[in-house]
Protein backbone atom coordinates (compact mmCIF):
# COMPACT_ATOMS: atom_id res chain seq x y z
CA MET A 1 -3.27 -12.45 61.93
CA GLN A 2 -2.47 -12.79 58.16
CA LEU A 3 -0.81 -10.63 55.47
CA THR A 4 -1.74 -10.95 51.87
CA LEU A 5 0.60 -10.20 49.10
CA ARG A 6 1.41 -10.15 45.42
CA VAL A 7 4.27 -11.86 43.78
CA GLN A 8 4.54 -11.28 40.26
CA HIS A 9 6.53 -13.66 38.51
CA GLY A 10 9.49 -12.36 35.83
CA ASP A 11 7.57 -14.19 32.98
CA GLY A 12 4.00 -12.50 34.18
CA THR A 13 2.12 -14.38 35.99
CA SER A 14 1.20 -13.38 39.01
CA ALA A 15 -0.27 -15.15 42.95
CA ASP A 16 -1.47 -13.91 45.71
CA VAL A 17 -0.02 -15.30 49.03
CA THR A 18 -0.59 -15.32 52.45
CA ALA A 19 1.67 -15.02 55.05
CA THR A 20 0.35 -16.67 58.24
CA THR A 21 1.30 -17.24 61.70
CA ILE A 22 3.99 -19.66 61.32
CA ASP A 23 5.65 -16.91 58.89
CA ILE A 24 5.49 -13.51 60.93
CA LEU A 25 6.38 -15.83 63.65
CA ASP A 26 9.57 -17.04 61.65
CA PHE A 27 9.66 -13.67 60.81
CA GLU A 28 10.13 -11.98 64.40
CA GLU A 29 12.60 -14.89 65.01
CA HIS A 30 15.04 -14.39 61.96
CA PHE A 31 14.97 -10.53 62.46
CA GLY A 32 14.71 -10.20 66.25
CA LYS A 33 12.01 -7.55 65.60
CA SER A 34 8.06 -7.72 66.66
CA PHE A 35 5.88 -7.76 63.67
CA LEU A 36 3.25 -5.40 65.34
CA THR A 37 5.91 -2.89 65.04
CA LEU A 38 6.00 -3.44 61.18
CA LEU A 39 2.60 -2.16 60.91
CA GLU A 40 3.50 1.29 61.07
CA ASN A 41 6.94 1.02 59.13
CA LEU A 42 7.12 -2.09 56.71
CA SER A 43 10.15 -2.55 54.72
CA TYR A 44 10.25 -3.81 51.12
CA THR A 45 12.31 -6.43 52.25
CA ASP A 46 10.21 -6.99 54.73
CA MET A 47 7.62 -7.63 52.27
CA CYS A 48 9.59 -9.30 50.29
CA TRP A 49 10.91 -12.19 52.90
CA LEU A 50 7.24 -12.49 54.28
CA ALA A 51 5.95 -13.62 50.67
CA TRP A 52 8.90 -15.66 49.87
CA THR A 53 8.39 -17.83 53.38
CA ALA A 54 5.03 -18.13 52.42
CA CYS A 55 6.13 -19.38 49.04
CA LYS A 56 8.70 -21.31 50.46
CA ARG A 57 6.10 -22.91 52.33
CA GLY A 58 3.41 -23.63 49.82
CA GLY A 59 6.49 -25.00 47.93
CA THR A 60 7.06 -22.37 45.11
CA ALA A 61 9.96 -21.17 46.45
CA GLY A 62 13.62 -22.45 46.95
CA ASP A 63 15.66 -21.96 50.26
CA ASP A 64 17.61 -18.76 48.53
CA PHE A 65 15.66 -15.92 49.45
CA ARG A 66 17.82 -13.65 47.16
CA ALA A 67 17.36 -16.07 44.34
CA TRP A 68 14.00 -15.98 44.55
CA ALA A 69 13.80 -12.44 44.96
CA SER A 70 15.80 -11.77 41.93
CA GLY A 71 13.11 -12.71 39.77
CA VAL A 72 9.41 -11.44 41.35
CA ASP A 73 7.99 -8.02 42.24
CA VAL A 74 6.10 -7.85 45.57
CA SER A 75 3.34 -5.84 46.29
CA PHE A 76 -0.12 -5.28 48.08
CA PRO A 77 -3.14 -6.63 46.10
CA SER A 78 -5.18 -4.26 44.32
CA GLY A 79 -2.99 -1.06 45.64
CA GLU A 80 -3.97 -2.51 49.34
CA ALA A 81 -1.78 -1.02 52.20
CA VAL A 82 -1.46 -2.42 55.38
CA SER A 83 -3.75 -0.86 57.94
CA THR A 84 -2.52 0.10 61.32
CA PRO A 85 -4.95 -1.94 64.06
CA VAL A 86 -7.27 0.69 65.96
CA PRO A 87 -7.36 0.72 69.47
CA LEU A 88 -9.57 0.00 71.87
CA ASP A 89 -11.93 2.63 73.00
CA SER A 90 -10.32 4.20 76.27
CA THR A 91 -14.15 5.67 77.08
CA ALA A 92 -15.92 2.69 76.52
CA SER A 93 -17.54 1.18 79.79
CA ILE A 94 -18.01 -1.99 80.71
CA SER A 95 -20.92 -3.27 82.83
CA GLU A 96 -21.07 -6.56 85.17
C-alpha cells in the first residue's frame, strides 16, 4: 500500500512524496491504530506525519516532526483524495 502526498515548502517549492509500507508500519506503531481505518477518517495530522516520515526516509527532513511541519503545507496531489477500498462482491461465485 502506498499514499502519495504533496509537500509544499515555505519557499514555494513543492515535491510529491510517497508513504510506503515502512512508513505505514511506523505510523501504526507510533499511533497505535490501523492505517486501514484511516482511509475513512484521515486527519491532517495523519497526513503530515506520513509525509514527514517519507521525507525523513528520503533524507529531506530531520528528526523533529513539529519543526518540519512548521514550514510546510501537505495536501493530496492535484486535489486527489484517499479512496476507500471497494469490498469484494459477496455475490460472486467461485467455480472449481
